[in-house]
């Protein structure tokens, strides 16, 4: 299991981003495992991102948004950052 980003874990911005990723994924009927596979990231890492425990890099965010056929702008708008 990935180690949480100790400096930023549970920061309100990361929690909001995680909630937005989870909502977008569920809206599209995609499981965590499917999204992780499509985005070429580890499922446990995705789980940590959705919980706000990880501070994902831009490449990971773009891989997830591309896999969900949305833009990063749309995701961040949903996150209310």
Protein backbone atom coordinates (compact mmCIF):
# COMPACT_ATOMS: atom_id res chain seq x y z
CA UNK A 1 0.00 0.00 0.00
CA UNK A 2 1.34 3.46 -0.82
CA UNK A 3 2.58 5.66 1.97
CA UNK A 4 0.44 8.75 2.50
CA UNK A 5 1.90 12.11 1.58
CA UNK A 6 2.75 13.09 5.16
CA UNK A 7 3.04 16.80 4.51
CA UNK A 8 -0.27 17.13 2.68
CA UNK A 9 -2.36 14.10 3.66
CA UNK A 10 -5.97 15.04 4.33
CA UNK A 11 -5.46 18.63 3.20
CA UNK A 12 -8.93 19.97 2.30
CA UNK A 13 -7.84 20.53 -1.32
CA UNK A 14 -6.70 16.91 -1.68
CA UNK A 15 -9.86 15.62 -0.04
CA UNK A 16 -11.96 17.72 -2.45
CA UNK A 17 -9.94 16.43 -5.40
CA UNK A 18 -10.38 12.86 -4.23
CA UNK A 19 -14.12 13.31 -3.83
CA UNK A 20 -14.32 14.73 -7.36
CA UNK A 21 -12.32 11.84 -8.81
CA UNK A 22 -14.50 9.28 -7.03
CA UNK A 23 -17.70 11.03 -8.16
CA UNK A 24 -16.53 11.24 -11.79
CA UNK A 25 -15.47 7.59 -11.73
CA UNK A 26 -18.76 6.38 -10.24
CA UNK A 27 -20.79 8.60 -12.59
CA UNK A 28 -19.16 6.74 -15.45
CA UNK A 29 -19.72 3.33 -13.88
CA UNK A 30 -16.00 2.61 -13.61
CA UNK A 31 -14.53 0.64 -10.71
CA UNK A 32 -11.32 1.71 -8.98
CA UNK A 33 -9.58 -1.29 -10.46
CA UNK A 34 -10.73 -0.40 -13.99
CA UNK A 35 -9.71 3.24 -13.69
CA UNK A 36 -6.34 2.32 -12.21
CA UNK A 37 -5.73 -0.05 -15.11
CA UNK A 38 -6.83 2.49 -17.74
CA UNK A 39 -4.69 5.21 -16.15
CA UNK A 40 -1.69 2.91 -15.62
CA UNK A 41 -1.54 3.58 -11.88
CA UNK A 42 -1.73 1.23 -8.92
CA UNK A 43 -5.23 0.62 -7.54
CA UNK A 44 -4.11 1.24 -3.96
CA UNK A 45 -2.56 4.54 -5.06
CA UNK A 46 -5.88 5.52 -6.65
CA UNK A 47 -7.68 4.59 -3.45
CA UNK A 48 -5.31 6.82 -1.46
CA UNK A 49 -5.89 9.68 -3.90
CA UNK A 50 -9.65 9.32 -3.55
CA UNK A 51 -9.30 9.46 0.25
CA UNK A 52 -7.16 12.61 0.10
CA UNK A 53 -4.13 10.83 1.53
CA UNK A 54 -1.98 11.32 -1.60
CA UNK A 55 -0.88 14.42 -3.44
CA UNK A 56 -1.03 13.12 -7.04
CA UNK A 57 1.25 14.51 -9.70
CA UNK A 58 -0.07 16.15 -12.83
CA UNK A 59 0.77 13.10 -14.94
CA UNK A 60 -1.39 10.88 -12.72
CA UNK A 61 -4.22 13.40 -12.80
CA UNK A 62 -4.04 13.65 -16.60
CA UNK A 63 -3.97 9.87 -16.97
CA UNK A 64 -7.10 9.57 -14.82
CA UNK A 65 -8.97 12.37 -16.59
CA UNK A 66 -8.02 11.02 -20.02
CA UNK A 67 -9.21 7.56 -18.98
CA UNK A 68 -12.53 9.06 -17.85
CA UNK A 69 -12.78 11.10 -21.06
CA UNK A 70 -12.82 14.43 -19.28
CA UNK A 71 -10.42 17.34 -18.98
CA UNK A 72 -8.40 18.25 -15.93
CA UNK A 73 -10.25 21.58 -15.99
CA UNK A 74 -13.57 19.75 -15.65
CA UNK A 75 -12.21 17.66 -12.78
CA UNK A 76 -10.84 20.66 -10.91
CA UNK A 77 -14.12 22.54 -11.42
CA UNK A 78 -15.93 19.61 -9.80
CA UNK A 79 -13.43 19.61 -6.93
CA UNK A 80 -14.38 23.19 -6.07
CA UNK A 81 -10.75 24.05 -5.40
